[in-house]
């Protein structure tokens, strides 16, 4: 009777351990799939960041700013013969 009780408890412990392994393996696969998806998202964001930096540098070129200053603001280059220097 004592031996049978011991083997029953041992069998239950082995089954619980096996279920724990299956659950852990399932969680591991689920988390790995989520990690892969997040890596893809991070890579896409990195590409987008590079594109935005390139776009920003294009919008901030001196030639573009000078063109906008001339067209929209009516600015022009200074005539150096009309410049008056003021000394402190």
C-alpha atoms as a PDB file:
ATOM      1  CA  UNK A   1       0.000   0.000   0.000  1.00  0.00           C
ATOM      2  CA  UNK A   2       2.814   2.444   0.835  1.00  0.00           C
ATOM      3  CA  UNK A   3       4.646   1.697  -2.393  1.00  0.00           C
ATOM      4  CA  UNK A   4       1.520   2.262  -4.468  1.00  0.00           C
ATOM      5  CA  UNK A   5       0.901   5.624  -2.800  1.00  0.00           C
ATOM      6  CA  UNK A   6       4.528   6.683  -3.470  1.00  0.00           C
ATOM      7  CA  UNK A   7       4.315   5.733  -7.167  1.00  0.00           C
ATOM      8  CA  UNK A   8       0.961   7.537  -7.517  1.00  0.00           C
ATOM      9  CA  UNK A   9       2.450  10.734  -6.086  1.00  0.00           C
ATOM     10  CA  UNK A  10       5.521  10.297  -8.279  1.00  0.00           C
ATOM     11  CA  UNK A  11       3.318   9.820 -11.374  1.00  0.00           C
ATOM     12  CA  UNK A  12       1.335  12.965 -10.546  1.00  0.00           C
ATOM     13  CA  UNK A  13       4.567  14.944 -10.083  1.00  0.00           C
ATOM     14  CA  UNK A  14       5.913  13.687 -13.422  1.00  0.00           C
ATOM     15  CA  UNK A  15       2.660  14.675 -15.171  1.00  0.00           C
ATOM     16  CA  UNK A  16       2.687  18.128 -13.559  1.00  0.00           C
ATOM     17  CA  UNK A  17       6.318  18.556 -14.590  1.00  0.00           C
ATOM     18  CA  UNK A  18       5.507  17.494 -18.163  1.00  0.00           C
ATOM     19  CA  UNK A  19       2.620  19.965 -18.314  1.00  0.00           C
ATOM     20  CA  UNK A  20       4.961  22.674 -17.018  1.00  0.00           C
ATOM     21  CA  UNK A  21       7.445  21.889 -19.778  1.00  0.00           C
ATOM     22  CA  UNK A  22       4.714  22.016 -22.441  1.00  0.00           C
ATOM     23  CA  UNK A  23       3.374  25.318 -21.074  1.00  0.00           C
ATOM     24  CA  UNK A  24       6.860  26.829 -20.898  1.00  0.00           C
ATOM     25  CA  UNK A  25       7.672  25.694 -24.434  1.00  0.00           C
ATOM     26  CA  UNK A  26       4.411  27.221 -25.709  1.00  0.00           C
ATOM     27  CA  UNK A  27       5.115  30.524 -23.936  1.00  0.00           C
ATOM     28  CA  UNK A  28       8.651  30.534 -25.354  1.00  0.00           C
ATOM     29  CA  UNK A  29       7.391  30.073 -28.916  1.00  0.00           C
ATOM     30  CA  UNK A  30       4.755  32.755 -28.452  1.00  0.00           C
ATOM     31  CA  UNK A  31       7.275  35.240 -27.074  1.00  0.00           C
ATOM     32  CA  UNK A  32       9.768  34.430 -29.842  1.00  0.00           C
ATOM     33  CA  UNK A  33       7.126  35.097 -32.506  1.00  0.00           C
ATOM     34  CA  UNK A  34       6.305  38.416 -30.818  1.00  0.00           C
ATOM     35  CA  UNK A  35      10.014  39.301 -30.665  1.00  0.00           C
ATOM     36  CA  UNK A  36      10.453  38.584 -34.382  1.00  0.00           C
ATOM     37  CA  UNK A  37       7.475  40.819 -35.190  1.00  0.00           C
ATOM     38  CA  UNK A  38       8.898  43.600 -33.022  1.00  0.00           C
ATOM     39  CA  UNK A  39      12.306  43.248 -34.710  1.00  0.00           C
ATOM     40  CA  UNK A  40      10.640  43.675 -38.112  1.00  0.00           C
ATOM     41  CA  UNK A  41       8.802  46.731 -36.811  1.00  0.00           C
ATOM     42  CA  UNK A  42      12.049  48.181 -35.431  1.00  0.00           C
ATOM     43  CA  UNK A  43      13.777  47.623 -38.773  1.00  0.00           C
ATOM     44  CA  UNK A  44      10.924  49.372 -40.604  1.00  0.00           C
ATOM     45  CA  UNK A  45      11.113  52.283 -38.162  1.00  0.00           C
ATOM     46  CA  UNK A  46      14.873  52.519 -38.697  1.00  0.00           C
ATOM     47  CA  UNK A  47      14.345  52.763 -42.463  1.00  0.00           C
ATOM     48  CA  UNK A  48      11.633  55.398 -41.951  1.00  0.00           C
ATOM     49  CA  UNK A  49      13.936  57.363 -39.606  1.00  0.00           C
ATOM     50  CA  UNK A  50      16.677  57.415 -42.239  1.00  0.00           C
ATOM     51  CA  UNK A  51      14.202  58.565 -44.880  1.00  0.00           C
ATOM     52  CA  UNK A  52      12.936  61.353 -42.617  1.00  0.00           C
ATOM     53  CA  UNK A  53      16.476  62.519 -41.851  1.00  0.00           C
ATOM     54  CA  UNK A  54      17.230  62.646 -45.568  1.00  0.00           C
ATOM     55  CA  UNK A  55      14.016  64.566 -46.191  1.00  0.00           C
ATOM     56  CA  UNK A  56      14.822  67.014 -43.410  1.00  0.00           C
ATOM     57  CA  UNK A  57      18.282  67.665 -44.788  1.00  0.00           C
ATOM     58  CA  UNK A  58      16.738  68.271 -48.222  1.00  0.00           C
ATOM     59  CA  UNK A  59      14.241  70.776 -46.831  1.00  0.00           C
ATOM     60  CA  UNK A  60      16.979  72.650 -44.966  1.00  0.00           C
ATOM     61  CA  UNK A  61      19.452  73.170 -47.815  1.00  0.00           C
ATOM     62  CA  UNK A  62      20.822  76.679 -48.190  1.00  0.00           C
ATOM     63  CA  UNK A  63      19.687  76.921 -51.798  1.00  0.00           C
ATOM     64  CA  UNK A  64      16.094  76.065 -50.901  1.00  0.00           C
ATOM     65  CA  UNK A  65      16.027  78.522 -48.001  1.00  0.00           C
ATOM     66  CA  UNK A  66      17.486  81.267 -50.166  1.00  0.00           C
ATOM     67  CA  UNK A  67      14.910  80.565 -52.887  1.00  0.00           C
ATOM     68  CA  UNK A  68      12.029  80.775 -50.389  1.00  0.00           C
ATOM     69  CA  UNK A  69      13.474  83.979 -48.900  1.00  0.00           C
ATOM     70  CA  UNK A  70      13.539  85.569 -52.346  1.00  0.00           C
ATOM     71  CA  UNK A  71      10.133  84.323 -53.520  1.00  0.00           C
ATOM     72  CA  UNK A  72       7.951  84.509 -50.422  1.00  0.00           C
ATOM     73  CA  UNK A  73       9.650  87.207 -48.389  1.00  0.00           C
ATOM     74  CA  UNK A  74      10.980  89.379 -51.192  1.00  0.00           C
ATOM     75  CA  UNK A  75      14.494  89.325 -49.722  1.00  0.00           C
ATOM     76  CA  UNK A  76      17.547  90.050 -51.822  1.00  0.00           C
ATOM     77  CA  UNK A  77      21.309  90.254 -51.494  1.00  0.00           C
ATOM     78  CA  UNK A  78      22.777  93.337 -49.899  1.00  0.00           C
ATOM     79  CA  UNK A  79      24.292  96.031 -52.120  1.00  0.00           C
ATOM     80  CA  UNK A  80      27.662  96.491 -50.444  1.00  0.00           C
ATOM     81  CA  UNK A  81      28.014 100.061 -51.665  1.00  0.00           C
ATOM     82  CA  UNK A  82      24.908 100.929 -49.598  1.00  0.00           C
ATOM     83  CA  UNK A  83      26.184  99.331 -46.385  1.00  0.00           C
ATOM     84  CA  UNK A  84      26.979 101.750 -43.581  1.00  0.00           C
ATOM     85  CA  UNK A  85      29.270 100.529 -40.831  1.00  0.00           C
ATOM     86  CA  UNK A  86      28.525 101.872 -37.380  1.00  0.00           C
ATOM     87  CA  UNK A  87      31.384 101.793 -34.891  1.00  0.00           C
ATOM     88  CA  UNK A  88      30.598 101.483 -31.219  1.00  0.00           C
END
